[in-house]
N, C-alpha and C. Protein backbone atom coordinates (compact mmCIF):
# COMPACT_ATOMS: atom_id res chain seq x y z
N MET A 1 101.74 110.30 120.48
CA MET A 1 101.58 108.85 120.39
C MET A 1 102.81 108.25 119.73
N THR A 2 103.40 107.27 120.35
CA THR A 2 104.54 106.60 119.75
C THR A 2 104.11 105.24 119.25
N THR A 3 104.68 104.86 118.13
CA THR A 3 104.39 103.54 117.58
C THR A 3 105.70 102.83 117.29
N LYS A 4 105.66 101.52 117.37
CA LYS A 4 106.81 100.73 117.00
C LYS A 4 106.95 100.78 115.49
N LYS A 5 108.10 100.41 115.00
CA LYS A 5 108.38 100.52 113.57
C LYS A 5 107.35 99.82 112.70
N HIS A 6 106.90 98.65 113.08
CA HIS A 6 105.98 97.87 112.25
C HIS A 6 104.58 97.76 112.86
N GLU A 7 104.27 98.61 113.81
CA GLU A 7 102.96 98.56 114.45
C GLU A 7 101.94 99.34 113.63
N VAL A 8 100.77 98.74 113.44
CA VAL A 8 99.70 99.40 112.70
C VAL A 8 98.96 100.33 113.66
N PRO A 9 98.81 101.59 113.29
CA PRO A 9 98.12 102.55 114.18
C PRO A 9 96.68 102.13 114.46
N GLU A 10 96.26 102.31 115.69
CA GLU A 10 94.91 101.95 116.12
C GLU A 10 93.85 102.65 115.29
N GLU A 11 94.10 103.90 114.92
CA GLU A 11 93.14 104.66 114.12
C GLU A 11 92.93 104.02 112.75
N LEU A 12 94.01 103.51 112.18
CA LEU A 12 93.91 102.85 110.88
C LEU A 12 93.07 101.58 110.99
N LEU A 13 93.31 100.80 112.02
CA LEU A 13 92.53 99.58 112.23
C LEU A 13 91.06 99.89 112.45
N SER A 14 90.78 100.89 113.26
CA SER A 14 89.39 101.27 113.51
C SER A 14 88.70 101.69 112.23
N GLY A 15 89.40 102.44 111.40
CA GLY A 15 88.83 102.86 110.13
C GLY A 15 88.56 101.69 109.20
N LEU A 16 89.50 100.75 109.15
CA LEU A 16 89.33 99.58 108.29
C LEU A 16 88.18 98.68 108.76
N LEU A 17 88.02 98.58 110.07
CA LEU A 17 87.02 97.67 110.62
C LEU A 17 85.62 98.29 110.76
N ALA A 18 85.50 99.57 110.50
CA ALA A 18 84.24 100.29 110.74
C ALA A 18 83.04 99.68 110.01
N ASN A 19 83.21 99.19 108.81
CA ASN A 19 82.09 98.68 108.02
C ASN A 19 81.96 97.16 108.04
N TYR A 20 82.75 96.49 108.85
CA TYR A 20 82.72 95.03 108.90
C TYR A 20 82.06 94.58 110.19
N LYS A 21 80.96 93.86 110.07
CA LYS A 21 80.17 93.48 111.24
C LYS A 21 80.24 91.99 111.58
N LYS A 22 80.35 91.13 110.55
CA LYS A 22 80.32 89.68 110.77
C LYS A 22 81.71 89.10 110.55
N PRO A 23 82.00 87.96 111.18
CA PRO A 23 83.31 87.33 110.98
C PRO A 23 83.64 87.08 109.51
N GLU A 24 82.65 86.68 108.73
CA GLU A 24 82.93 86.41 107.31
C GLU A 24 83.27 87.68 106.54
N ASP A 25 82.86 88.84 107.07
CA ASP A 25 83.27 90.11 106.47
C ASP A 25 84.78 90.31 106.59
N LEU A 26 85.35 89.72 107.62
CA LEU A 26 86.78 89.87 107.85
C LEU A 26 87.59 88.73 107.26
N ILE A 27 87.11 87.49 107.44
CA ILE A 27 87.92 86.34 107.05
C ILE A 27 87.28 85.48 105.98
N GLY A 28 86.18 85.94 105.42
CA GLY A 28 85.50 85.19 104.37
C GLY A 28 86.22 85.28 103.04
N GLU A 29 85.61 84.68 102.02
CA GLU A 29 86.20 84.61 100.68
C GLU A 29 86.62 85.98 100.15
N ASN A 30 85.81 86.99 100.35
CA ASN A 30 86.13 88.34 99.89
C ASN A 30 86.32 89.30 101.06
N GLY A 31 86.75 88.75 102.18
CA GLY A 31 86.87 89.54 103.39
C GLY A 31 88.06 90.48 103.41
N LEU A 32 88.08 91.29 104.44
CA LEU A 32 89.12 92.29 104.60
C LEU A 32 90.52 91.66 104.65
N LEU A 33 90.66 90.55 105.35
CA LEU A 33 91.97 89.91 105.47
C LEU A 33 92.51 89.51 104.10
N LYS A 34 91.67 88.92 103.27
CA LYS A 34 92.09 88.51 101.94
C LYS A 34 92.46 89.72 101.08
N GLN A 35 91.67 90.78 101.18
CA GLN A 35 91.95 91.99 100.41
C GLN A 35 93.28 92.61 100.84
N LEU A 36 93.48 92.72 102.14
CA LEU A 36 94.72 93.31 102.65
C LEU A 36 95.94 92.45 102.29
N THR A 37 95.80 91.14 102.41
CA THR A 37 96.89 90.24 102.06
C THR A 37 97.28 90.41 100.60
N LYS A 38 96.29 90.46 99.74
CA LYS A 38 96.54 90.64 98.30
C LYS A 38 97.28 91.95 98.05
N LEU A 39 96.80 93.03 98.64
CA LEU A 39 97.43 94.33 98.43
C LEU A 39 98.87 94.37 98.97
N LEU A 40 99.08 93.78 100.15
CA LEU A 40 100.41 93.78 100.74
C LEU A 40 101.39 92.94 99.92
N VAL A 41 100.95 91.79 99.44
CA VAL A 41 101.81 90.94 98.63
C VAL A 41 102.15 91.64 97.31
N GLU A 42 101.15 92.25 96.69
CA GLU A 42 101.40 92.97 95.44
C GLU A 42 102.40 94.11 95.65
N LYS A 43 102.24 94.87 96.73
CA LYS A 43 103.17 95.96 97.03
C LYS A 43 104.59 95.43 97.27
N ALA A 44 104.70 94.34 98.02
CA ALA A 44 106.01 93.76 98.31
C ALA A 44 106.67 93.26 97.04
N LEU A 45 105.92 92.58 96.19
CA LEU A 45 106.47 92.08 94.94
C LEU A 45 106.86 93.22 94.01
N ASP A 46 106.05 94.24 93.97
CA ASP A 46 106.34 95.41 93.14
C ASP A 46 107.63 96.08 93.61
N ALA A 47 107.77 96.21 94.91
CA ALA A 47 108.99 96.81 95.47
C ALA A 47 110.20 95.93 95.17
N GLU A 48 110.02 94.63 95.24
CA GLU A 48 111.11 93.70 94.96
C GLU A 48 111.55 93.81 93.50
N LEU A 49 110.60 93.91 92.60
CA LEU A 49 110.93 94.04 91.18
C LEU A 49 111.61 95.37 90.90
N THR A 50 111.22 96.40 91.60
CA THR A 50 111.82 97.72 91.42
C THR A 50 113.27 97.72 91.89
N GLU A 51 113.56 96.95 92.92
CA GLU A 51 114.91 96.88 93.49
C GLU A 51 115.90 96.20 92.56
N HIS A 52 115.42 95.28 91.72
CA HIS A 52 116.33 94.47 90.89
C HIS A 52 116.35 94.88 89.47
């Protein structure tokens, strides 16, 4: 299986979505999208601070 440099593997998405059944589970106040966004921003900021 080949993936593009920034492509999220289908298996990872399937695993993340396995326990989410309703739209609000994904995009609600405490949904998966908000959790992932928070983690990604924290990682990016942490990496940025480490670089400088």
